[in-house]
Amino acid sequence: MSLWVWIAVVAGIVLIIWLAVVVIGTPKRRQAAQREKAAELRREAEEKLASAARREVTASQEEAAARREREAAEQALRHAENVDPDLPGSPSAAEAAAD
């Protein structure tokens, strides 16, 4: 055989080996890329969960503060109604009627 035939055969064998490595290695690389993507998605989801938990705590604290403020306002309103002499049934109205 001539030299160029040997070169073509060797080049063909090298090409077949290279293709086999690429084809066999591609699923492994694809799986590795998918694992990386899954890890990134998990990390982002965990960050969002932590952020949501912090926001829920803040919202709960705000709700409790609003509830306390509402109760204080209602108590102040009841006190104002008790003091108002113009409202019927208030102690101040009874005192004014007695005078």
Protein backbone atom coordinates (compact mmCIF):
# COMPACT_ATOMS: atom_id res chain seq x y z
CA MET A 1 0.00 0.00 0.00
CA SER A 2 1.11 3.47 -0.61
CA LEU A 3 1.80 6.03 2.05
CA TRP A 4 -1.28 8.13 1.41
CA VAL A 5 -3.52 5.08 2.01
CA TRP A 6 -1.85 4.46 5.37
CA ILE A 7 -2.31 8.13 6.27
CA ALA A 8 -6.01 7.97 5.27
CA VAL A 9 -6.53 4.80 7.32
CA VAL A 10 -4.83 6.27 10.39
CA ALA A 11 -6.76 9.54 9.97
CA GLY A 12 -10.00 7.56 9.67
CA ILE A 13 -9.24 5.56 12.81
CA VAL A 14 -8.37 8.75 14.72
CA LEU A 15 -11.59 10.35 13.48
CA ILE A 16 -13.66 7.33 14.55
CA ILE A 17 -12.03 7.31 17.99
CA TRP A 18 -12.57 11.07 18.36
CA LEU A 19 -16.25 10.74 17.36
CA ALA A 20 -16.72 7.85 19.79
CA VAL A 21 -15.25 9.91 22.62
CA VAL A 22 -17.42 12.91 21.74
CA VAL A 23 -20.60 10.85 21.39
CA ILE A 24 -19.95 8.87 24.58
CA GLY A 25 -18.76 11.92 26.50
CA THR A 26 -21.64 14.15 25.44
CA PRO A 27 -24.32 12.55 27.64
CA LYS A 28 -21.97 12.72 30.60
CA ARG A 29 -21.29 16.39 29.94
CA ARG A 30 -24.99 17.00 29.44
CA GLN A 31 -25.75 15.29 32.74
CA ALA A 32 -23.07 17.32 34.48
CA ALA A 33 -24.53 20.52 33.01
CA GLN A 34 -28.01 19.46 34.13
CA ARG A 35 -26.72 18.75 37.63
CA GLU A 36 -25.14 22.21 37.75
CA LYS A 37 -28.37 23.80 36.53
CA ALA A 38 -30.39 21.87 39.11
CA ALA A 39 -28.01 22.95 41.87
CA GLU A 40 -28.34 26.57 40.77
CA LEU A 41 -32.13 26.33 40.68
CA ARG A 42 -32.14 24.77 44.16
CA ARG A 43 -29.91 27.56 45.49
CA GLU A 44 -32.18 30.23 44.01
CA ALA A 45 -35.27 28.50 45.41
CA GLU A 46 -33.71 28.29 48.87
CA GLU A 47 -32.85 32.01 48.71
CA LYS A 48 -36.45 32.80 47.75
CA LEU A 49 -37.77 30.62 50.58
CA ALA A 50 -35.53 32.38 53.09
CA SER A 51 -36.59 35.77 51.77
CA ALA A 52 -40.25 34.80 51.97
CA ALA A 53 -39.79 33.58 55.54
CA ARG A 54 -38.19 36.89 56.52
CA ARG A 55 -41.03 38.81 54.89
CA GLU A 56 -43.61 36.65 56.68
CA VAL A 57 -41.96 37.42 60.03
CA THR A 58 -41.95 41.12 59.24
CA ALA A 59 -45.59 41.00 58.14
CA SER A 60 -46.53 39.16 61.33
CA GLN A 61 -44.79 41.80 63.44
CA GLU A 62 -46.51 44.58 61.49
CA GLU A 63 -49.88 42.89 61.96
CA ALA A 64 -49.33 42.61 65.72
CA ALA A 65 -48.33 46.29 65.91
CA ALA A 66 -51.42 47.29 63.92
CA ARG A 67 -53.62 45.20 66.21
CA ARG A 68 -52.16 46.88 69.31
CA GLU A 69 -52.61 50.31 67.73
CA ARG A 70 -56.23 49.53 66.83
CA GLU A 71 -56.95 48.34 70.37
CA ALA A 72 -55.41 51.52 71.81
CA ALA A 73 -57.47 53.67 69.43
CA GLU A 74 -60.68 51.81 70.33
CA GLN A 75 -59.93 52.25 74.01
CA ALA A 76 -59.31 55.97 73.47
CA LEU A 77 -62.61 56.18 71.57
CA ARG A 78 -64.50 54.47 74.41
CA HIS A 79 -62.88 56.84 76.89
CA ALA A 80 -63.88 59.83 74.73
CA GLU A 81 -67.48 58.57 74.58
CA ASN A 82 -67.53 58.22 78.37
CA VAL A 83 -66.24 61.76 78.82
CA ASP A 84 -68.49 63.44 76.20
CA PRO A 85 -71.35 65.24 77.97
CA ASP A 86 -73.47 65.39 74.82
CA LEU A 87 -73.86 61.63 74.43
CA PRO A 88 -76.88 60.13 76.16
CA GLY A 89 -76.04 57.51 78.72
CA SER A 90 -72.53 58.83 79.43
CA PRO A 91 -71.61 59.61 83.05
CA SER A 92 -70.91 63.21 82.09
CA ALA A 93 -74.42 63.57 80.58
CA ALA A 94 -75.97 62.25 83.80
CA GLU A 95 -73.97 64.76 85.85
CA ALA A 96 -74.98 67.59 83.50
CA ALA A 97 -78.66 66.60 83.79
CA ALA A 98 -78.40 66.56 87.59
CA ASP A 99 -77.16 70.12 87.63
